[in-house]
C-alpha cells in the first residue's frame, strides 16, 4: 500500500479463499491469495511472523499490508506460497478454485461460484500427510 515493498511473482496460479479465524482477523475478511511458484522481493520492509506450527505470514513493516502466507512445515506442501490477491498489479485471468475452512465462514457473506469447499477437518487431514 505504501510502496516500501515491491516484488516480482513468477508462476502466478489460481486463487483460493480462506475463512479460518486467523485469516479473517489478519485480512479483515477472507484471505484471498494467488499461489505463486516463486517470488523476488525488492525492498527491506518485509517482516515475517510464524503464525502457526506449519506456516508464516509476511507483511510490510512500514504500513502493515498483508503480503503473503507460506507453508513452513515439512512435507509435500512446504514452501507453498500464496500472495495477497490485492497486491498483484495484474489480476486478470486468475480464477478462484478453492475455499478453505468453509465451516468457519461467518453467515454475513458468501462467495459466488462453484468450486471445492474444504472444511477445517478436511484441511488438517490434507496437510498432516
N, C-alpha and C. Protein backbone atom coordinates (compact mmCIF):
# COMPACT_ATOMS: atom_id res chain seq x y z
N UNK A 1 0.82 -1.19 0.00
CA UNK A 1 0.00 0.00 0.00
C UNK A 1 0.87 1.25 0.00
N UNK A 2 1.95 1.24 0.78
CA UNK A 2 2.78 2.44 0.89
C UNK A 2 3.89 2.49 -0.15
N UNK A 3 4.17 1.35 -0.82
CA UNK A 3 5.21 1.31 -1.84
C UNK A 3 6.58 0.91 -1.32
N UNK A 4 6.72 0.67 -0.03
CA UNK A 4 8.03 0.29 0.53
C UNK A 4 8.45 -1.11 0.09
N UNK A 5 7.51 -1.94 -0.33
CA UNK A 5 7.79 -3.29 -0.78
C UNK A 5 7.25 -3.45 -2.20
N UNK A 6 8.10 -3.97 -3.07
CA UNK A 6 7.66 -4.40 -4.39
C UNK A 6 8.17 -5.81 -4.59
N UNK A 7 7.59 -6.51 -5.54
CA UNK A 7 8.05 -7.87 -5.81
C UNK A 7 7.70 -8.28 -7.21
N UNK A 8 8.39 -9.30 -7.66
CA UNK A 8 8.09 -9.94 -8.92
C UNK A 8 7.69 -11.37 -8.59
N UNK A 9 6.47 -11.73 -8.97
CA UNK A 9 5.97 -13.08 -8.74
C UNK A 9 5.98 -13.83 -10.07
N UNK A 10 6.49 -15.04 -10.02
CA UNK A 10 6.54 -15.88 -11.22
C UNK A 10 5.66 -17.10 -11.00
N UNK A 11 5.06 -17.55 -12.09
CA UNK A 11 4.20 -18.73 -11.99
C UNK A 11 2.96 -18.46 -11.17
N UNK A 12 2.34 -17.31 -11.41
CA UNK A 12 1.12 -16.97 -10.67
C UNK A 12 0.01 -17.90 -11.13
N UNK A 13 -0.59 -18.58 -10.17
CA UNK A 13 -1.65 -19.54 -10.48
C UNK A 13 -3.00 -19.03 -10.04
N UNK A 14 -3.87 -19.96 -9.79
CA UNK A 14 -5.22 -19.63 -9.38
C UNK A 14 -5.25 -19.17 -7.93
N UNK A 15 -6.37 -18.61 -7.54
CA UNK A 15 -6.54 -18.07 -6.20
C UNK A 15 -7.41 -19.01 -5.37
N UNK A 16 -7.30 -18.84 -4.06
CA UNK A 16 -8.19 -19.52 -3.14
C UNK A 16 -8.52 -18.55 -2.01
N UNK A 17 -9.59 -18.86 -1.30
CA UNK A 17 -10.02 -18.02 -0.17
C UNK A 17 -9.98 -18.88 1.09
N UNK A 18 -9.53 -18.28 2.17
CA UNK A 18 -9.52 -18.99 3.44
C UNK A 18 -10.41 -18.25 4.45
N UNK A 19 -11.27 -19.01 5.10
CA UNK A 19 -12.23 -18.45 6.06
C UNK A 19 -11.87 -18.78 7.51
N UNK A 20 -10.66 -19.30 7.76
CA UNK A 20 -10.31 -19.62 9.14
C UNK A 20 -10.25 -18.33 9.96
N UNK A 21 -10.38 -18.47 11.26
CA UNK A 21 -10.40 -17.30 12.14
C UNK A 21 -9.14 -16.46 12.06
N UNK A 22 -7.99 -17.10 11.93
CA UNK A 22 -6.74 -16.36 11.86
C UNK A 22 -6.67 -15.52 10.58
N UNK A 23 -7.03 -16.12 9.45
CA UNK A 23 -7.02 -15.37 8.19
C UNK A 23 -8.02 -14.21 8.22
N UNK A 24 -9.19 -14.46 8.79
CA UNK A 24 -10.19 -13.39 8.84
C UNK A 24 -9.73 -12.25 9.73
N UNK A 25 -9.04 -12.55 10.84
CA UNK A 25 -8.50 -11.49 11.69
C UNK A 25 -7.42 -10.71 10.96
N UNK A 26 -6.56 -11.43 10.24
CA UNK A 26 -5.43 -10.82 9.56
C UNK A 26 -5.88 -9.96 8.38
N UNK A 27 -6.83 -10.47 7.59
CA UNK A 27 -7.25 -9.79 6.37
C UNK A 27 -8.49 -8.92 6.54
N UNK A 28 -9.17 -9.03 7.67
CA UNK A 28 -10.40 -8.28 7.84
C UNK A 28 -11.57 -8.91 7.12
N UNK A 29 -11.42 -10.10 6.66
CA UNK A 29 -12.42 -10.86 5.91
C UNK A 29 -11.71 -12.11 5.43
N UNK A 30 -12.20 -12.77 4.43
CA UNK A 30 -11.48 -13.95 3.97
C UNK A 30 -10.14 -13.55 3.36
N UNK A 31 -9.11 -14.35 3.61
CA UNK A 31 -7.82 -14.15 2.93
C UNK A 31 -8.00 -14.68 1.51
N UNK A 32 -7.74 -13.86 0.52
CA UNK A 32 -7.78 -14.30 -0.87
C UNK A 32 -6.38 -14.14 -1.42
N UNK A 33 -5.79 -15.26 -1.74
CA UNK A 33 -4.41 -15.26 -2.22
C UNK A 33 -4.24 -16.07 -3.48
N UNK A 34 -3.29 -15.64 -4.29
CA UNK A 34 -2.94 -16.38 -5.51
C UNK A 34 -1.66 -17.16 -5.26
N UNK A 35 -1.64 -18.38 -5.65
CA UNK A 35 -0.46 -19.23 -5.48
C UNK A 35 0.61 -18.80 -6.47
N UNK A 36 1.85 -18.76 -6.02
CA UNK A 36 2.98 -18.40 -6.88
C UNK A 36 4.06 -19.47 -6.78
N UNK A 37 4.77 -19.68 -7.87
CA UNK A 37 5.88 -20.64 -7.87
C UNK A 37 7.11 -20.03 -7.22
N UNK A 38 7.36 -18.76 -7.48
CA UNK A 38 8.50 -18.08 -6.86
C UNK A 38 8.20 -16.59 -6.75
N UNK A 39 8.93 -15.96 -5.85
CA UNK A 39 8.73 -14.53 -5.63
C UNK A 39 10.08 -13.88 -5.31
N UNK A 40 10.33 -12.74 -5.90
CA UNK A 40 11.56 -11.99 -5.66
C UNK A 40 11.17 -10.65 -5.03
N UNK A 41 11.61 -10.44 -3.79
CA UNK A 41 11.26 -9.23 -3.04
C UNK A 41 12.26 -8.12 -3.31
N UNK A 42 11.76 -6.91 -3.43
CA UNK A 42 12.58 -5.71 -3.56
C UNK A 42 12.22 -4.80 -2.40
N UNK A 43 13.21 -4.37 -1.68
CA UNK A 43 12.95 -3.54 -0.50
C UNK A 43 13.12 -4.37 0.75
N UNK A 44 13.50 -3.71 1.80
CA UNK A 44 13.79 -4.40 3.06
C UNK A 44 12.66 -4.29 4.07
N UNK A 45 11.48 -3.93 3.63
CA UNK A 45 10.39 -3.67 4.56
C UNK A 45 9.51 -4.89 4.82
N UNK A 46 9.91 -6.08 4.38
CA UNK A 46 9.10 -7.28 4.60
C UNK A 46 9.46 -7.89 5.96
N UNK A 47 8.45 -8.09 6.79
CA UNK A 47 8.62 -8.76 8.07
C UNK A 47 7.81 -10.05 8.03
N UNK A 48 8.39 -11.11 8.56
CA UNK A 48 7.74 -12.42 8.58
C UNK A 48 7.48 -12.82 10.02
N UNK A 49 6.29 -13.35 10.26
CA UNK A 49 5.96 -13.87 11.59
C UNK A 49 5.51 -15.32 11.45
N UNK A 50 5.88 -16.13 12.43
CA UNK A 50 5.40 -17.51 12.48
C UNK A 50 3.99 -17.44 13.04
N UNK A 51 3.01 -17.77 12.21
CA UNK A 51 1.62 -17.62 12.63
C UNK A 51 1.01 -18.91 13.14
N UNK A 52 1.69 -20.03 12.91
CA UNK A 52 1.21 -21.31 13.42
C UNK A 52 2.39 -22.28 13.39
N UNK A 53 2.13 -23.52 13.78
CA UNK A 53 3.18 -24.53 13.75
C UNK A 53 3.57 -24.92 12.33
N UNK A 54 2.75 -24.56 11.36
CA UNK A 54 3.01 -25.01 9.99
C UNK A 54 3.16 -23.88 8.97
N UNK A 55 3.02 -22.61 9.38
CA UNK A 55 3.04 -21.54 8.38
C UNK A 55 3.57 -20.23 8.94
N UNK A 56 3.92 -19.34 8.01
CA UNK A 56 4.31 -17.98 8.36
C UNK A 56 3.56 -17.02 7.46
N UNK A 57 3.51 -15.78 7.91
CA UNK A 57 2.86 -14.71 7.15
C UNK A 57 3.82 -13.56 7.04
N UNK A 58 3.75 -12.86 5.91
CA UNK A 58 4.61 -11.72 5.70
C UNK A 58 3.80 -10.46 5.52
N UNK A 59 4.35 -9.35 6.01
CA UNK A 59 3.66 -8.07 5.88
C UNK A 59 4.69 -6.95 5.72
N UNK A 60 4.23 -5.81 5.27
CA UNK A 60 5.08 -4.64 5.15
C UNK A 60 5.25 -4.03 6.54
N UNK A 61 6.49 -3.85 6.97
CA UNK A 61 6.70 -3.30 8.31
C UNK A 61 6.59 -1.78 8.34
N UNK A 62 6.25 -1.17 7.22
CA UNK A 62 6.01 0.27 7.18
C UNK A 62 4.53 0.61 7.33
N UNK A 63 3.67 -0.11 6.57
CA UNK A 63 2.24 0.21 6.60
C UNK A 63 1.37 -0.93 7.12
N UNK A 64 1.95 -2.12 7.27
CA UNK A 64 1.19 -3.26 7.82
C UNK A 64 0.44 -4.08 6.79
N UNK A 65 0.54 -3.76 5.52
CA UNK A 65 -0.19 -4.52 4.49
C UNK A 65 0.22 -5.98 4.50
N UNK A 66 -0.77 -6.87 4.50
CA UNK A 66 -0.50 -8.30 4.40
C UNK A 66 -0.02 -8.64 3.01
N UNK A 67 1.08 -9.39 2.92
CA UNK A 67 1.69 -9.70 1.64
C UNK A 67 1.58 -11.17 1.23
N UNK A 68 1.86 -12.10 2.16
CA UNK A 68 1.86 -13.50 1.76
C UNK A 68 1.63 -14.43 2.95
N UNK A 69 1.32 -15.66 2.59
CA UNK A 69 1.17 -16.79 3.51
C UNK A 69 2.02 -17.91 2.93
N UNK A 70 2.86 -18.55 3.75
CA UNK A 70 3.73 -19.61 3.25
C UNK A 70 3.74 -20.79 4.21
N UNK A 71 3.62 -22.00 3.66
CA UNK A 71 3.72 -23.24 4.44
C UNK A 71 5.18 -23.48 4.78
N UNK A 72 5.47 -23.69 6.07
CA UNK A 72 6.84 -23.92 6.52
C UNK A 72 7.06 -25.34 7.02
N UNK A 73 5.99 -26.06 7.28
CA UNK A 73 6.10 -27.42 7.82
C UNK A 73 6.67 -28.37 6.78
N UNK A 74 7.44 -29.33 7.25
CA UNK A 74 7.97 -30.36 6.36
C UNK A 74 6.82 -31.10 5.69
N UNK A 75 7.09 -31.58 4.49
CA UNK A 75 6.08 -32.33 3.76
C UNK A 75 5.95 -31.83 2.34
N UNK A 76 4.97 -32.38 1.65
CA UNK A 76 4.75 -32.07 0.24
C UNK A 76 4.42 -30.61 -0.03
N UNK A 77 3.86 -29.91 0.94
CA UNK A 77 3.39 -28.54 0.72
C UNK A 77 4.39 -27.48 1.18
N UNK A 78 5.52 -27.91 1.76
CA UNK A 78 6.50 -26.95 2.29
C UNK A 78 6.92 -25.97 1.20
N UNK A 79 6.91 -24.69 1.54
CA UNK A 79 7.29 -23.64 0.60
C UNK A 79 6.15 -23.09 -0.22
N UNK A 80 4.98 -23.76 -0.20
CA UNK A 80 3.84 -23.26 -0.95
C UNK A 80 3.53 -21.84 -0.47
N UNK A 81 3.46 -20.92 -1.42
CA UNK A 81 3.27 -19.51 -1.08
C UNK A 81 2.05 -18.96 -1.79
N UNK A 82 1.28 -18.20 -1.04
CA UNK A 82 0.10 -17.52 -1.54
C UNK A 82 0.27 -16.03 -1.28
N UNK A 83 0.26 -15.22 -2.34
CA UNK A 83 0.38 -13.77 -2.16
C UNK A 83 -1.01 -13.16 -2.17
N UNK A 84 -1.15 -12.10 -1.42
CA UNK A 84 -2.43 -11.41 -1.36
C UNK A 84 -2.85 -10.98 -2.76
N UNK A 85 -4.03 -11.37 -3.16
CA UNK A 85 -4.52 -11.04 -4.50
C UNK A 85 -4.47 -9.53 -4.74
N UNK A 86 -4.76 -8.75 -3.72
CA UNK A 86 -4.78 -7.30 -3.86
C UNK A 86 -3.42 -6.67 -4.12
N UNK A 87 -2.34 -7.42 -3.88
CA UNK A 87 -1.00 -6.86 -4.12
C UNK A 87 -0.55 -7.02 -5.57
N UNK A 88 -1.27 -7.80 -6.35
CA UNK A 88 -0.88 -8.04 -7.73
C UNK A 88 -1.36 -6.93 -8.65
N UNK A 89 -0.47 -6.40 -9.45
CA UNK A 89 -0.84 -5.35 -10.41
C UNK A 89 -1.80 -5.88 -11.46
N UNK A 90 -1.59 -7.09 -11.91
CA UNK A 90 -2.43 -7.70 -12.94
C UNK A 90 -3.14 -8.91 -12.35
N UNK A 91 -4.43 -8.79 -12.13
CA UNK A 91 -5.22 -9.87 -11.56
C UNK A 91 -6.08 -10.57 -12.62
N UNK A 92 -5.88 -10.18 -13.87
CA UNK A 92 -6.69 -10.76 -14.94
C UNK A 92 -6.36 -12.23 -15.13
N UNK A 93 -7.37 -13.00 -15.44
CA UNK A 93 -7.21 -14.41 -15.71
C UNK A 93 -7.04 -15.30 -14.49
N UNK A 94 -7.03 -14.73 -13.31
CA UNK A 94 -6.90 -15.53 -12.09
C UNK A 94 -8.29 -16.01 -11.68
N UNK A 95 -8.42 -17.29 -11.51
CA UNK A 95 -9.70 -17.89 -11.14
C UNK A 95 -9.63 -18.39 -9.71
N UNK A 96 -10.71 -18.23 -8.97
CA UNK A 96 -10.78 -18.79 -7.62
C UNK A 96 -11.17 -20.25 -7.74
N UNK A 97 -10.31 -21.13 -7.23
CA UNK A 97 -10.52 -22.55 -7.44
C UNK A 97 -10.83 -23.34 -6.17
N UNK A 98 -10.73 -22.70 -4.99
CA UNK A 98 -10.98 -23.44 -3.75
C UNK A 98 -11.28 -22.46 -2.62
N UNK A 99 -12.09 -22.92 -1.67
CA UNK A 99 -12.31 -22.19 -0.43
C UNK A 99 -11.94 -23.12 0.72
N UNK A 100 -11.18 -22.59 1.66
CA UNK A 100 -10.70 -23.34 2.81
C UNK A 100 -11.48 -22.96 4.07
N UNK A 101 -11.65 -23.91 4.98
CA UNK A 101 -12.32 -23.70 6.26
C UNK A 101 -13.73 -23.15 6.06
N UNK A 102 -14.44 -23.75 5.12
CA UNK A 102 -15.77 -23.26 4.79
C UNK A 102 -16.71 -23.34 5.99
N UNK A 103 -16.48 -24.29 6.89
CA UNK A 103 -17.32 -24.43 8.07
C UNK A 103 -17.03 -23.35 9.11
N UNK A 104 -16.03 -22.51 8.90
CA UNK A 104 -15.71 -21.40 9.81
C UNK A 104 -16.15 -20.06 9.23
N UNK A 105 -16.69 -20.07 8.01
CA UNK A 105 -17.13 -18.84 7.34
C UNK A 105 -18.32 -18.24 8.08
N UNK A 106 -18.29 -16.94 8.39
CA UNK A 106 -19.45 -16.32 9.01
C UNK A 106 -20.64 -16.28 8.05
N UNK A 107 -21.81 -16.15 8.58
CA UNK A 107 -23.02 -16.12 7.76
C UNK A 107 -23.18 -14.83 6.95
N UNK A 108 -22.43 -13.78 7.29
CA UNK A 108 -22.68 -12.46 6.69
C UNK A 108 -22.16 -12.30 5.27
N UNK A 109 -21.45 -13.28 4.71
CA UNK A 109 -21.02 -13.18 3.32
C UNK A 109 -20.96 -14.56 2.70
N UNK A 110 -20.98 -14.59 1.37
CA UNK A 110 -20.81 -15.83 0.62
C UNK A 110 -20.16 -15.47 -0.71
N UNK A 111 -19.21 -16.26 -1.13
CA UNK A 111 -18.56 -16.05 -2.42
C UNK A 111 -19.31 -16.88 -3.45
N UNK A 112 -19.71 -16.24 -4.53
CA UNK A 112 -20.49 -16.97 -5.52
C UNK A 112 -19.59 -17.82 -6.41
N UNK A 113 -20.21 -18.76 -7.09
CA UNK A 113 -19.48 -19.65 -7.98
C UNK A 113 -19.33 -21.03 -7.39
N UNK A 114 -19.14 -21.99 -8.27
CA UNK A 114 -18.96 -23.37 -7.85
C UNK A 114 -17.47 -23.70 -7.81
N UNK A 115 -17.03 -24.28 -6.70
CA UNK A 115 -15.64 -24.70 -6.52
C UNK A 115 -15.59 -25.62 -5.31
N UNK A 116 -14.54 -26.39 -5.16
CA UNK A 116 -14.41 -27.20 -3.95
C UNK A 116 -14.37 -26.31 -2.72
N UNK A 117 -15.07 -26.73 -1.69
CA UNK A 117 -15.10 -26.02 -0.41
C UNK A 117 -14.68 -27.01 0.67
N UNK A 118 -13.56 -26.72 1.31
CA UNK A 118 -12.90 -27.64 2.23
C UNK A 118 -13.19 -27.25 3.67
N UNK A 119 -13.58 -28.20 4.50
CA UNK A 119 -13.84 -27.94 5.92
C UNK A 119 -12.52 -27.90 6.69
N UNK A 120 -12.58 -27.46 7.93
CA UNK A 120 -11.41 -27.44 8.80
C UNK A 120 -10.80 -28.84 8.93
N UNK A 121 -11.64 -29.84 9.22
CA UNK A 121 -11.16 -31.21 9.39
C UNK A 121 -10.51 -31.73 8.11
N UNK A 122 -11.11 -31.44 6.98
CA UNK A 122 -10.54 -31.88 5.70
C UNK A 122 -9.19 -31.21 5.43
N UNK A 123 -9.09 -29.91 5.75
CA UNK A 123 -7.83 -29.19 5.54
C UNK A 123 -6.73 -29.76 6.41
N UNK A 124 -7.00 -29.98 7.68
CA UNK A 124 -5.99 -30.54 8.57
C UNK A 124 -5.57 -31.93 8.13
N UNK A 125 -6.52 -32.72 7.63
CA UNK A 125 -6.20 -34.05 7.13
C UNK A 125 -5.29 -33.96 5.90
N UNK A 126 -5.54 -33.01 5.03
CA UNK A 126 -4.73 -32.85 3.82
C UNK A 126 -3.31 -32.45 4.15
N UNK A 127 -3.12 -31.55 5.11
CA UNK A 127 -1.80 -31.00 5.39
C UNK A 127 -1.05 -31.77 6.47
N UNK A 128 -1.67 -32.76 7.07
CA UNK A 128 -0.96 -33.54 8.08
C UNK A 128 -0.28 -34.76 7.47
N UNK A 129 -0.41 -34.93 6.17
CA UNK A 129 0.18 -36.09 5.49
C UNK A 129 1.64 -35.85 5.17
